[in-house]
């Protein structure tokens, strides 16, 4: 039983929508308006090309439904990558990770866009009715050719209790997580039973054009987690002020949680124009102007242990992401409970 576009859209989480394109289905995090507003290349610089490519990837995309199907088949086509060393998919059943498949790319990463082979993933599912979550690759571009269940199988998309948007850089995009289901945004959404759209893009920083006016769905709250990038810019404060002014104009009607930059295991003095402790202070000062913003101390979310980082100092790996998600879930649960009790 091949799922229809309508069924796919009903079961998807982590993206804006799914659209038909040249005989396949493309998942969209950014709408076309958002992508062109933020990332349309205006030159030949590598970062222009990279940001444009990353606006097509889906760092938190999954299918989430209950079924009595005996099988699941997912076929991905038109796959491409750049500047990545691996990608993978995850399958969860009844709340447990049961399958992970990972594919290595050249160790140096791919500096230019390169096509990848089509992939078909076939699974024998657990017996009886169960919740199934299939997590798509978080860091490559792809389209869906087919998602199929056993003929006559039941199919019930998962319903969620909350919804939120997430803005951020490579850590929000989970660029160092081997398992696509382990990124902190993905895990927090699971923990809170929430629908999410993850706008994280590696290398990004605070800037007003991160917010595209009038293009976002209504949600219960918003997360923002930039700050570690952009500190070589002398106008770091001005850029940060511009972002938060744009953020407030767009989301003044709901709670916004700002996560301060996580701990770095090492940074030479003078390496950045704005040292990380000063950056955190600037963010706190600016956020204090807005009554709907709560600042969360991201420095406490990931262990100060190189084993928790993919590169030993900055990007949390699966272990670091597990701690990040656990601590952020606890902080959000506490803050949301306060607002519920106060009717905010």
C-alpha atoms as a PDB file:
ATOM      1  CA  UNK A   1       0.000   0.000   0.000  1.00  0.00           C
ATOM      2  CA  UNK A   2       1.740   3.131  -1.237  1.00  0.00           C
ATOM      3  CA  UNK A   3       1.053   6.210   0.872  1.00  0.00           C
ATOM      4  CA  UNK A   4      -0.464   9.178  -0.943  1.00  0.00           C
ATOM      5  CA  UNK A   5       0.811  12.745  -0.777  1.00  0.00           C
ATOM      6  CA  UNK A   6      -2.093  13.561   1.528  1.00  0.00           C
ATOM      7  CA  UNK A   7      -1.146  10.710   3.864  1.00  0.00           C
ATOM      8  CA  UNK A   8       2.510  11.737   3.835  1.00  0.00           C
ATOM      9  CA  UNK A   9       1.653  15.317   4.766  1.00  0.00           C
ATOM     10  CA  UNK A  10      -0.589  14.078   7.581  1.00  0.00           C
ATOM     11  CA  UNK A  11       2.190  11.904   9.067  1.00  0.00           C
ATOM     12  CA  UNK A  12       5.151  14.250   8.595  1.00  0.00           C
ATOM     13  CA  UNK A  13       6.802  16.177  11.393  1.00  0.00           C
ATOM     14  CA  UNK A  14       9.824  18.472  11.341  1.00  0.00           C
ATOM     15  CA  UNK A  15       9.058  20.168   8.027  1.00  0.00           C
ATOM     16  CA  UNK A  16       6.632  22.690   6.567  1.00  0.00           C
ATOM     17  CA  UNK A  17       5.092  20.333   4.029  1.00  0.00           C
ATOM     18  CA  UNK A  18       5.626  17.821   1.213  1.00  0.00           C
ATOM     19  CA  UNK A  19       5.151  18.754  -2.443  1.00  0.00           C
ATOM     20  CA  UNK A  20       5.140  16.738  -5.649  1.00  0.00           C
ATOM     21  CA  UNK A  21       8.078  17.452  -7.927  1.00  0.00           C
ATOM     22  CA  UNK A  22       8.989  15.602 -11.144  1.00  0.00           C
ATOM     23  CA  UNK A  23       7.339  12.326 -10.182  1.00  0.00           C
ATOM     24  CA  UNK A  24       8.620  12.314  -6.593  1.00  0.00           C
ATOM     25  CA  UNK A  25       7.941  14.152  -3.328  1.00  0.00           C
ATOM     26  CA  UNK A  26      10.197  16.817  -1.848  1.00  0.00           C
ATOM     27  CA  UNK A  27      10.001  17.735   1.829  1.00  0.00           C
ATOM     28  CA  UNK A  28      10.252  21.443   2.529  1.00  0.00           C
ATOM     29  CA  UNK A  29      11.595  23.028   5.677  1.00  0.00           C
ATOM     30  CA  UNK A  30      11.805  26.485   4.134  1.00  0.00           C
ATOM     31  CA  UNK A  31       9.044  27.709   1.849  1.00  0.00           C
ATOM     32  CA  UNK A  32      10.179  29.101  -1.492  1.00  0.00           C
ATOM     33  CA  UNK A  33       9.558  32.634  -0.194  1.00  0.00           C
ATOM     34  CA  UNK A  34      11.703  32.031   2.896  1.00  0.00           C
ATOM     35  CA  UNK A  35      14.498  30.388   0.898  1.00  0.00           C
ATOM     36  CA  UNK A  36      14.721  33.177  -1.679  1.00  0.00           C
ATOM     37  CA  UNK A  37      14.530  35.886   0.996  1.00  0.00           C
ATOM     38  CA  UNK A  38      17.432  34.424   2.968  1.00  0.00           C
ATOM     39  CA  UNK A  39      19.601  32.283   0.743  1.00  0.00           C
ATOM     40  CA  UNK A  40      19.342  33.089  -2.955  1.00  0.00           C
ATOM     41  CA  UNK A  41      23.016  33.049  -4.088  1.00  0.00           C
ATOM     42  CA  UNK A  42      24.227  36.455  -5.228  1.00  0.00           C
ATOM     43  CA  UNK A  43      27.749  35.384  -6.129  1.00  0.00           C
ATOM     44  CA  UNK A  44      30.107  32.449  -6.409  1.00  0.00           C
ATOM     45  CA  UNK A  45      31.366  32.347  -2.849  1.00  0.00           C
ATOM     46  CA  UNK A  46      31.398  28.898  -1.233  1.00  0.00           C
ATOM     47  CA  UNK A  47      29.199  30.025   1.648  1.00  0.00           C
ATOM     48  CA  UNK A  48      26.552  31.304  -0.757  1.00  0.00           C
ATOM     49  CA  UNK A  49      26.409  27.904  -2.425  1.00  0.00           C
ATOM     50  CA  UNK A  50      26.514  26.035   0.870  1.00  0.00           C
ATOM     51  CA  UNK A  51      23.725  28.032   2.499  1.00  0.00           C
ATOM     52  CA  UNK A  52      21.572  27.620  -0.605  1.00  0.00           C
ATOM     53  CA  UNK A  53      22.155  23.847  -0.552  1.00  0.00           C
ATOM     54  CA  UNK A  54      21.449  23.584   3.174  1.00  0.00           C
ATOM     55  CA  UNK A  55      18.132  25.361   2.742  1.00  0.00           C
ATOM     56  CA  UNK A  56      16.959  22.173   0.977  1.00  0.00           C
ATOM     57  CA  UNK A  57      17.936  19.693   3.726  1.00  0.00           C
ATOM     58  CA  UNK A  58      15.608  18.519   6.504  1.00  0.00           C
ATOM     59  CA  UNK A  59      17.387  18.266   9.892  1.00  0.00           C
ATOM     60  CA  UNK A  60      14.323  17.064  11.829  1.00  0.00           C
ATOM     61  CA  UNK A  61      12.081  15.370   9.240  1.00  0.00           C
ATOM     62  CA  UNK A  62      10.244  12.183  10.137  1.00  0.00           C
ATOM     63  CA  UNK A  63       7.152  10.148   9.372  1.00  0.00           C
ATOM     64  CA  UNK A  64       5.192   9.380  12.538  1.00  0.00           C
ATOM     65  CA  UNK A  65       2.141   7.103  12.575  1.00  0.00           C
ATOM     66  CA  UNK A  66       0.533   4.030  14.115  1.00  0.00           C
ATOM     67  CA  UNK A  67       0.035   0.942  11.947  1.00  0.00           C
ATOM     68  CA  UNK A  68      -0.394  -2.823  12.059  1.00  0.00           C
ATOM     69  CA  UNK A  69       1.672  -3.201   8.901  1.00  0.00           C
ATOM     70  CA  UNK A  70       4.202  -6.025   8.747  1.00  0.00           C
ATOM     71  CA  UNK A  71       6.551  -4.067   6.491  1.00  0.00           C
ATOM     72  CA  UNK A  72       7.764  -0.571   5.685  1.00  0.00           C
ATOM     73  CA  UNK A  73       9.534   0.452   2.480  1.00  0.00           C
ATOM     74  CA  UNK A  74      11.006   3.901   1.860  1.00  0.00           C
ATOM     75  CA  UNK A  75      12.735   4.840  -1.407  1.00  0.00           C
ATOM     76  CA  UNK A  76      14.770   8.052  -1.717  1.00  0.00           C
ATOM     77  CA  UNK A  77      15.884   9.439  -5.085  1.00  0.00           C
ATOM     78  CA  UNK A  78      17.699  12.487  -6.485  1.00  0.00           C
ATOM     79  CA  UNK A  79      20.013  12.453  -3.472  1.00  0.00           C
ATOM     80  CA  UNK A  80      22.931  14.881  -3.242  1.00  0.00           C
ATOM     81  CA  UNK A  81      25.464  16.058  -0.663  1.00  0.00           C
ATOM     82  CA  UNK A  82      28.205  18.591  -0.062  1.00  0.00           C
ATOM     83  CA  UNK A  83      30.611  19.125   2.833  1.00  0.00           C
ATOM     84  CA  UNK A  84      29.412  16.038   4.738  1.00  0.00           C
ATOM     85  CA  UNK A  85      31.206  12.859   5.811  1.00  0.00           C
ATOM     86  CA  UNK A  86      28.184  10.607   6.409  1.00  0.00           C
ATOM     87  CA  UNK A  87      24.404  10.416   6.448  1.00  0.00           C
ATOM     88  CA  UNK A  88      21.888   7.970   7.855  1.00  0.00           C
ATOM     89  CA  UNK A  89      18.292   7.064   8.663  1.00  0.00           C
ATOM     90  CA  UNK A  90      16.635   5.817  11.870  1.00  0.00           C
ATOM     91  CA  UNK A  91      13.566   3.713  12.562  1.00  0.00           C
ATOM     92  CA  UNK A  92      11.832   3.773  15.943  1.00  0.00           C
ATOM     93  CA  UNK A  93       9.046   1.373  16.933  1.00  0.00           C
ATOM     94  CA  UNK A  94       7.034   1.593  20.141  1.00  0.00           C
ATOM     95  CA  UNK A  95       9.341   4.346  21.374  1.00  0.00           C
ATOM     96  CA  UNK A  96      12.590   2.413  20.812  1.00  0.00           C
ATOM     97  CA  UNK A  97      15.295   2.866  18.172  1.00  0.00           C
ATOM     98  CA  UNK A  98      15.200  -0.495  16.377  1.00  0.00           C
ATOM     99  CA  UNK A  99      17.156   0.206  13.182  1.00  0.00           C
ATOM    100  CA  UNK A 100      19.905   2.603  12.122  1.00  0.00           C
ATOM    101  CA  UNK A 101      21.640   2.677   8.757  1.00  0.00           C
ATOM    102  CA  UNK A 102      24.591   4.952   8.109  1.00  0.00           C
ATOM    103  CA  UNK A 103      26.590   5.650   4.951  1.00  0.00           C
ATOM    104  CA  UNK A 104      30.095   7.109   4.977  1.00  0.00           C
ATOM    105  CA  UNK A 105      31.255   9.718   2.478  1.00  0.00           C
ATOM    106  CA  UNK A 106      34.901  10.712   1.769  1.00  0.00           C
ATOM    107  CA  UNK A 107      36.698  11.615   5.002  1.00  0.00           C
ATOM    108  CA  UNK A 108      37.506  15.134   3.801  1.00  0.00           C
ATOM    109  CA  UNK A 109      33.866  15.854   3.130  1.00  0.00           C
ATOM    110  CA  UNK A 110      32.529  16.822  -0.278  1.00  0.00           C
ATOM    111  CA  UNK A 111      33.270  20.470  -1.074  1.00  0.00           C
ATOM    112  CA  UNK A 112      31.117  20.605  -4.184  1.00  0.00           C
ATOM    113  CA  UNK A 113      27.626  19.212  -4.673  1.00  0.00           C
ATOM    114  CA  UNK A 114      27.791  15.526  -5.589  1.00  0.00           C
ATOM    115  CA  UNK A 115      24.967  13.163  -6.534  1.00  0.00           C
ATOM    116  CA  UNK A 116      24.442  10.043  -4.430  1.00  0.00           C
ATOM    117  CA  UNK A 117      22.848   6.711  -5.374  1.00  0.00           C
ATOM    118  CA  UNK A 118      19.121   6.176  -4.862  1.00  0.00           C
ATOM    119  CA  UNK A 119      18.398   4.274  -1.646  1.00  0.00           C
ATOM    120  CA  UNK A 120      15.606   1.870  -0.718  1.00  0.00           C
ATOM    121  CA  UNK A 121      15.095   0.970   2.948  1.00  0.00           C
ATOM    122  CA  UNK A 122      13.040  -2.150   3.696  1.00  0.00           C
ATOM    123  CA  UNK A 123      12.004  -3.173   7.192  1.00  0.00           C
ATOM    124  CA  UNK A 124      10.124  -6.027   8.795  1.00  0.00           C
ATOM    125  CA  UNK A 125       8.100  -4.324  11.507  1.00  0.00           C
ATOM    126  CA  UNK A 126       7.168  -5.528  14.970  1.00  0.00           C
ATOM    127  CA  UNK A 127       3.906  -7.517  15.107  1.00  0.00           C
ATOM    128  CA  UNK A 128       0.573  -5.882  15.877  1.00  0.00           C
ATOM    129  CA  UNK A 129      -0.276  -2.210  16.163  1.00  0.00           C
ATOM    130  CA  UNK A 130       2.673   0.055  16.981  1.00  0.00           C
ATOM    131  CA  UNK A 131       3.851   3.613  16.627  1.00  0.00           C
ATOM    132  CA  UNK A 132       6.394   3.884  13.814  1.00  0.00           C
ATOM    133  CA  UNK A 133       8.784   6.812  13.389  1.00  0.00           C
ATOM    134  CA  UNK A 134      11.020   6.911  10.324  1.00  0.00           C
ATOM    135  CA  UNK A 135      13.657   9.653  10.481  1.00  0.00           C
ATOM    136  CA  UNK A 136      14.920  10.904   7.128  1.00  0.00           C
ATOM    137  CA  UNK A 137      18.554  11.920   6.526  1.00  0.00           C
ATOM    138  CA  UNK A 138      19.208  15.215   8.279  1.00  0.00           C
ATOM    139  CA  UNK A 139      22.060  16.480   6.098  1.00  0.00           C
ATOM    140  CA  UNK A 140      21.558  15.545   2.432  1.00  0.00           C
ATOM    141  CA  UNK A 141      19.106  16.658  -0.219  1.00  0.00           C
ATOM    142  CA  UNK A 142      16.659  14.002  -1.424  1.00  0.00           C
ATOM    143  CA  UNK A 143      13.177  13.304  -2.710  1.00  0.00           C
ATOM    144  CA  UNK A 144      10.790  10.527  -1.737  1.00  0.00           C
ATOM    145  CA  UNK A 145       9.868   8.128  -4.523  1.00  0.00           C
ATOM    146  CA  UNK A 146       7.786   5.804  -2.377  1.00  0.00           C
ATOM    147  CA  UNK A 147       6.648   5.027   1.150  1.00  0.00           C
ATOM    148  CA  UNK A 148       4.736   1.742   1.326  1.00  0.00           C
ATOM    149  CA  UNK A 149       3.113  -0.433   3.987  1.00  0.00           C
ATOM    150  CA  UNK A 150       1.664  -3.922   3.740  1.00  0.00           C
ATOM    151  CA  UNK A 151      -1.513  -4.075   1.647  1.00  0.00           C
ATOM    152  CA  UNK A 152      -4.588  -3.404   3.769  1.00  0.00           C
ATOM    153  CA  UNK A 153      -2.564  -2.125   6.745  1.00  0.00           C
ATOM    154  CA  UNK A 154      -4.015   0.444   9.126  1.00  0.00           C
ATOM    155  CA  UNK A 155      -2.544   3.947   9.105  1.00  0.00           C
ATOM    156  CA  UNK A 156      -3.143   6.623  11.747  1.00  0.00           C
ATOM    157  CA  UNK A 157      -0.925   9.753  11.840  1.00  0.00           C
ATOM    158  CA  UNK A 158       0.330  10.748  15.284  1.00  0.00           C
ATOM    159  CA  UNK A 159      -1.295  13.732  16.944  1.00  0.00           C
ATOM    160  CA  UNK A 160       0.763  16.110  19.058  1.00  0.00           C
ATOM    161  CA  UNK A 161       0.083  18.149  22.175  1.00  0.00           C
ATOM    162  CA  UNK A 162       2.218  21.190  21.290  1.00  0.00           C
ATOM    163  CA  UNK A 163       4.003  22.915  18.433  1.00  0.00           C
ATOM    164  CA  UNK A 164       7.086  25.097  18.134  1.00  0.00           C
ATOM    165  CA  UNK A 165       9.599  26.595  15.709  1.00  0.00           C
ATOM    166  CA  UNK A 166      13.374  26.338  16.120  1.00  0.00           C
ATOM    167  CA  UNK A 167      15.928  28.804  14.732  1.00  0.00           C
ATOM    168  CA  UNK A 168      19.644  28.216  15.004  1.00  0.00           C
ATOM    169  CA  UNK A 169      22.981  27.228  13.525  1.00  0.00           C
ATOM    170  CA  UNK A 170      24.797  23.922  12.965  1.00  0.00           C
ATOM    171  CA  UNK A 171      24.087  22.690  16.492  1.00  0.00           C
ATOM    172  CA  UNK A 172      20.359  23.241  16.003  1.00  0.00           C
ATOM    173  CA  UNK A 173      20.692  21.467  12.634  1.00  0.00           C
ATOM    174  CA  UNK A 174      22.413  18.568  14.488  1.00  0.00           C
ATOM    175  CA  UNK A 175      25.287  18.563  12.021  1.00  0.00           C
ATOM    176  CA  UNK A 176      27.474  16.345  14.205  1.00  0.00           C
ATOM    177  CA  UNK A 177      24.811  13.813  15.203  1.00  0.00           C
ATOM    178  CA  UNK A 178      25.326  10.389  13.628  1.00  0.00           C
ATOM    179  CA  UNK A 179      21.700   9.427  14.222  1.00  0.00           C
ATOM    180  CA  UNK A 180      19.135  11.775  12.636  1.00  0.00           C
ATOM    181  CA  UNK A 181      16.778  11.071  15.542  1.00  0.00           C
ATOM    182  CA  UNK A 182      19.303  12.306  18.136  1.00  0.00           C
ATOM    183  CA  UNK A 183      19.454  16.038  17.343  1.00  0.00           C
ATOM    184  CA  UNK A 184      18.384  18.116  20.316  1.00  0.00           C
ATOM    185  CA  UNK A 185      15.443  19.735  18.488  1.00  0.00           C
ATOM    186  CA  UNK A 186      14.219  16.337  17.310  1.00  0.00           C
ATOM    187  CA  UNK A 187      14.477  14.793  20.769  1.00  0.00           C
ATOM    188  CA  UNK A 188      12.858  17.740  22.534  1.00  0.00           C
ATOM    189  CA  UNK A 189       9.946  17.527  20.092  1.00  0.00           C
ATOM    190  CA  UNK A 190       9.572  13.813  20.904  1.00  0.00           C
ATOM    191  CA  UNK A 191       9.842  14.462  24.643  1.00  0.00           C
ATOM    192  CA  UNK A 192       7.199  17.212  24.564  1.00  0.00           C
ATOM    193  CA  UNK A 193       4.883  15.507  22.045  1.00  0.00           C
ATOM    194  CA  UNK A 194       5.323  18.499  19.764  1.00  0.00           C
ATOM    195  CA  UNK A 195       5.095  19.303  16.102  1.00  0.00           C
ATOM    196  CA  UNK A 196       8.164  21.296  15.045  1.00  0.00           C
ATOM    197  CA  UNK A 197       9.786  23.028  12.103  1.00  0.00           C
ATOM    198  CA  UNK A 198      13.569  23.210  12.453  1.00  0.00           C
ATOM    199  CA  UNK A 199      15.110  26.163  10.597  1.00  0.00           C
ATOM    200  CA  UNK A 200      18.644  25.415  11.791  1.00  0.00           C
ATOM    201  CA  UNK A 201      21.370  26.060   9.176  1.00  0.00           C
ATOM    202  CA  UNK A 202      25.071  25.523   9.798  1.00  0.00           C
ATOM    203  CA  UNK A 203      27.242  28.649   9.981  1.00  0.00           C
ATOM    204  CA  UNK A 204      24.360  31.039  10.604  1.00  0.00           C
ATOM    205  CA  UNK A 205      24.387  33.879  13.126  1.00  0.00           C
ATOM    206  CA  UNK A 206      22.092  36.512  14.568  1.00  0.00           C
ATOM    207  CA  UNK A 207      20.806  38.759  11.760  1.00  0.00           C
ATOM    208  CA  UNK A 208      17.409  40.280  11.015  1.00  0.00           C
ATOM    209  CA  UNK A 209      16.981  38.413   7.703  1.00  0.00           C
ATOM    210  CA  UNK A 210      16.793  35.126   9.598  1.00  0.00           C
ATOM    211  CA  UNK A 211      13.142  36.089  10.177  1.00  0.00           C
ATOM    212  CA  UNK A 212      10.942  36.290   7.071  1.00  0.00           C
ATOM    213  CA  UNK A 213       7.851  38.352   7.987  1.00  0.00           C
ATOM    214  CA  UNK A 214       4.424  36.788   7.714  1.00  0.00           C
ATOM    215  CA  UNK A 215       5.563  33.308   6.630  1.00  0.00           C
ATOM    216  CA  UNK A 216       5.317  31.195   9.792  1.00  0.00           C
ATOM    217  CA  UNK A 217       2.515  29.036  11.187  1.00  0.00           C
ATOM    218  CA  UNK A 218       0.945  29.713  14.550  1.00  0.00           C
ATOM    219  CA  UNK A 219       2.755  27.703  17.244  1.00  0.00           C
ATOM    220  CA  UNK A 220       2.836  27.476  21.022  1.00  0.00           C
ATOM    221  CA  UNK A 221       6.385  28.825  21.353  1.00  0.00           C
ATOM    222  CA  UNK A 222       9.644  29.558  19.547  1.00  0.00           C
ATOM    223  CA  UNK A 223      13.265  28.536  20.199  1.00  0.00           C
ATOM    224  CA  UNK A 224      16.252  30.614  19.053  1.00  0.00           C
ATOM    225  CA  UNK A 225      19.827  29.370  19.490  1.00  0.00           C
ATOM    226  CA  UNK A 226      22.424  31.384  17.591  1.00  0.00           C
ATOM    227  CA  UNK A 227      25.337  33.337  19.029  1.00  0.00           C
ATOM    228  CA  UNK A 228      28.497  31.272  18.711  1.00  0.00           C
ATOM    229  CA  UNK A 229      28.965  32.305  15.044  1.00  0.00           C
ATOM    230  CA  UNK A 230      29.392  35.862  13.829  1.00  0.00           C
ATOM    231  CA  UNK A 231      31.651  36.924  16.694  1.00  0.00           C
ATOM    232  CA  UNK A 232      34.405  37.977  14.293  1.00  0.00           C
ATOM    233  CA  UNK A 233      32.107  40.760  13.125  1.00  0.00           C
ATOM    234  CA  UNK A 234      32.636  44.128  14.790  1.00  0.00           C
ATOM    235  CA  UNK A 235      28.894  44.818  14.510  1.00  0.00           C
ATOM    236  CA  UNK A 236      27.970  41.661  16.472  1.00  0.00           C
ATOM    237  CA  UNK A 237      25.776  43.630  18.876  1.00  0.00           C
ATOM    238  CA  UNK A 238      23.988  45.512  16.085  1.00  0.00           C
ATOM    239  CA  UNK A 239      23.308  42.290  14.169  1.00  0.00           C
ATOM    240  CA  UNK A 240      22.018  40.641  17.333  1.00  0.00           C
ATOM    241  CA  UNK A 241      19.778  43.616  18.120  1.00  0.00           C
ATOM    242  CA  UNK A 242      18.384  43.502  14.597  1.00  0.00           C
ATOM    243  CA  UNK A 243      17.542  39.829  14.909  1.00  0.00           C
ATOM    244  CA  UNK A 244      15.675  40.217  18.175  1.00  0.00           C
ATOM    245  CA  UNK A 245      13.734  43.221  16.946  1.00  0.00           C
ATOM    246  CA  UNK A 246      12.627  41.192  13.901  1.00  0.00           C
ATOM    247  CA  UNK A 247      11.911  38.197  16.137  1.00  0.00           C
ATOM    248  CA  UNK A 248       9.730  40.267  18.451  1.00  0.00           C
ATOM    249  CA  UNK A 249       7.772  41.843  15.601  1.00  0.00           C
ATOM    250  CA  UNK A 250       6.956  38.391  14.227  1.00  0.00           C
ATOM    251  CA  UNK A 251       6.434  36.426  17.466  1.00  0.00           C
ATOM    252  CA  UNK A 252       5.377  38.968  20.112  1.00  0.00           C
ATOM    253  CA  UNK A 253       2.197  36.936  20.641  1.00  0.00           C
ATOM    254  CA  UNK A 254       3.869  33.801  22.025  1.00  0.00           C
ATOM    255  CA  UNK A 255       6.688  32.754  24.372  1.00  0.00           C
ATOM    256  CA  UNK A 256      10.190  32.788  22.925  1.00  0.00           C
ATOM    257  CA  UNK A 257      13.012  30.826  24.547  1.00  0.00           C
ATOM    258  CA  UNK A 258      16.525  31.955  23.699  1.00  0.00           C
ATOM    259  CA  UNK A 259      19.301  29.453  24.311  1.00  0.00           C
ATOM    260  CA  UNK A 260      22.680  30.996  25.101  1.00  0.00           C
ATOM    261  CA  UNK A 261      25.642  29.486  23.208  1.00  0.00           C
ATOM    262  CA  UNK A 262      26.775  26.118  24.524  1.00  0.00           C
ATOM    263  CA  UNK A 263      30.170  25.562  26.103  1.00  0.00           C
ATOM    264  CA  UNK A 264      33.228  25.403  23.858  1.00  0.00           C
ATOM    265  CA  UNK A 265      36.068  23.161  24.998  1.00  0.00           C
ATOM    266  CA  UNK A 266      38.638  25.638  23.702  1.00  0.00           C
ATOM    267  CA  UNK A 267      38.963  29.091  22.165  1.00  0.00           C
ATOM    268  CA  UNK A 268      42.203  31.003  21.986  1.00  0.00           C
ATOM    269  CA  UNK A 269      42.227  34.493  23.438  1.00  0.00           C
ATOM    270  CA  UNK A 270      41.745  37.030  20.671  1.00  0.00           C
ATOM    271  CA  UNK A 271      40.504  34.409  18.211  1.00  0.00           C
ATOM    272  CA  UNK A 272      37.105  36.103  18.029  1.00  0.00           C
ATOM    273  CA  UNK A 273      36.350  39.816  18.165  1.00  0.00           C
ATOM    274  CA  UNK A 274      33.650  39.115  20.746  1.00  0.00           C
ATOM    275  CA  UNK A 275      34.677  36.476  23.334  1.00  0.00           C
ATOM    276  CA  UNK A 276      32.018  33.912  24.115  1.00  0.00           C
ATOM    277  CA  UNK A 277      31.327  35.116  27.704  1.00  0.00           C
ATOM    278  CA  UNK A 278      30.813  38.644  26.349  1.00  0.00           C
ATOM    279  CA  UNK A 279      28.533  37.322  23.597  1.00  0.00           C
ATOM    280  CA  UNK A 280      26.352  35.630  26.200  1.00  0.00           C
ATOM    281  CA  UNK A 281      26.192  38.874  28.171  1.00  0.00           C
ATOM    282  CA  UNK A 282      25.180  40.848  25.058  1.00  0.00           C
ATOM    283  CA  UNK A 283      22.413  38.379  24.260  1.00  0.00           C
ATOM    284  CA  UNK A 284      21.080  38.553  27.834  1.00  0.00           C
ATOM    285  CA  UNK A 285      21.101  42.356  27.795  1.00  0.00           C
ATOM    286  CA  UNK A 286      19.208  42.563  24.517  1.00  0.00           C
ATOM    287  CA  UNK A 287      16.676  39.878  25.465  1.00  0.00           C
ATOM    288  CA  UNK A 288      15.900  41.782  28.650  1.00  0.00           C
ATOM    289  CA  UNK A 289      14.088  44.377  26.533  1.00  0.00           C
ATOM    290  CA  UNK A 290      11.335  41.963  25.522  1.00  0.00           C
ATOM    291  CA  UNK A 291       8.660  40.705  27.900  1.00  0.00           C
ATOM    292  CA  UNK A 292       7.948  37.492  25.977  1.00  0.00           C
ATOM    293  CA  UNK A 293      11.571  36.254  25.868  1.00  0.00           C
ATOM    294  CA  UNK A 294      13.065  33.881  28.423  1.00  0.00           C
ATOM    295  CA  UNK A 295      16.805  33.205  28.324  1.00  0.00           C
ATOM    296  CA  UNK A 296      18.008  29.649  28.966  1.00  0.00           C
ATOM    297  CA  UNK A 297      21.624  28.950  29.875  1.00  0.00           C
ATOM    298  CA  UNK A 298      22.848  26.657  27.101  1.00  0.00           C
ATOM    299  CA  UNK A 299      26.291  26.517  28.686  1.00  0.00           C
ATOM    300  CA  UNK A 300      24.818  24.074  31.216  1.00  0.00           C
ATOM    301  CA  UNK A 301      23.165  21.785  28.662  1.00  0.00           C
ATOM    302  CA  UNK A 302      26.169  19.842  27.282  1.00  0.00           C
ATOM    303  CA  UNK A 303      28.884  18.251  29.485  1.00  0.00           C
ATOM    304  CA  UNK A 304      32.234  20.025  29.556  1.00  0.00           C
ATOM    305  CA  UNK A 305      33.886  16.866  28.280  1.00  0.00           C
ATOM    306  CA  UNK A 306      35.495  16.463  24.853  1.00  0.00           C
ATOM    307  CA  UNK A 307      33.858  13.024  24.589  1.00  0.00           C
ATOM    308  CA  UNK A 308      30.513  14.797  24.159  1.00  0.00           C
ATOM    309  CA  UNK A 309      31.675  16.644  21.032  1.00  0.00           C
ATOM    310  CA  UNK A 310      32.151  15.344  17.498  1.00  0.00           C
ATOM    311  CA  UNK A 311      35.153  17.609  16.955  1.00  0.00           C
ATOM    312  CA  UNK A 312      36.260  17.572  20.589  1.00  0.00           C
ATOM    313  CA  UNK A 313      35.330  21.166  21.363  1.00  0.00           C
ATOM    314  CA  UNK A 314      32.200  22.649  19.680  1.00  0.00           C
ATOM    315  CA  UNK A 315      29.629  20.403  17.951  1.00  0.00           C
ATOM    316  CA  UNK A 316      27.812  17.960  20.262  1.00  0.00           C
ATOM    317  CA  UNK A 317      27.778  14.351  19.057  1.00  0.00           C
ATOM    318  CA  UNK A 318      25.032  11.837  19.856  1.00  0.00           C
ATOM    319  CA  UNK A 319      26.122  11.776  23.516  1.00  0.00           C
ATOM    320  CA  UNK A 320      26.253  15.569  23.740  1.00  0.00           C
ATOM    321  CA  UNK A 321      22.890  15.881  21.988  1.00  0.00           C
ATOM    322  CA  UNK A 322      21.348  13.436  24.455  1.00  0.00           C
ATOM    323  CA  UNK A 323      22.397  15.661  27.350  1.00  0.00           C
ATOM    324  CA  UNK A 324      21.368  18.818  25.492  1.00  0.00           C
ATOM    325  CA  UNK A 325      17.879  17.458  24.823  1.00  0.00           C
ATOM    326  CA  UNK A 326      17.432  16.114  28.345  1.00  0.00           C
ATOM    327  CA  UNK A 327      18.405  19.420  29.972  1.00  0.00           C
ATOM    328  CA  UNK A 328      16.486  21.589  27.517  1.00  0.00           C
ATOM    329  CA  UNK A 329      13.373  19.437  27.922  1.00  0.00           C
ATOM    330  CA  UNK A 330      13.552  19.902  31.691  1.00  0.00           C
ATOM    331  CA  UNK A 331      14.014  23.673  31.349  1.00  0.00           C
ATOM    332  CA  UNK A 332      11.148  24.042  28.871  1.00  0.00           C
ATOM    333  CA  UNK A 333       8.834  21.842  30.911  1.00  0.00           C
ATOM    334  CA  UNK A 334       9.451  24.047  33.949  1.00  0.00           C
ATOM    335  CA  UNK A 335       8.989  27.315  32.041  1.00  0.00           C
ATOM    336  CA  UNK A 336       5.856  26.155  30.212  1.00  0.00           C
ATOM    337  CA  UNK A 337       4.353  24.965  33.499  1.00  0.00           C
ATOM    338  CA  UNK A 338       4.926  28.433  34.985  1.00  0.00           C
ATOM    339  CA  UNK A 339       3.095  30.032  32.088  1.00  0.00           C
ATOM    340  CA  UNK A 340       0.228  27.572  32.266  1.00  0.00           C
ATOM    341  CA  UNK A 341      -0.159  28.246  35.978  1.00  0.00           C
ATOM    342  CA  UNK A 342      -0.098  31.985  35.362  1.00  0.00           C
ATOM    343  CA  UNK A 343      -2.373  31.745  32.314  1.00  0.00           C
ATOM    344  CA  UNK A 344       0.306  33.404  30.163  1.00  0.00           C
END
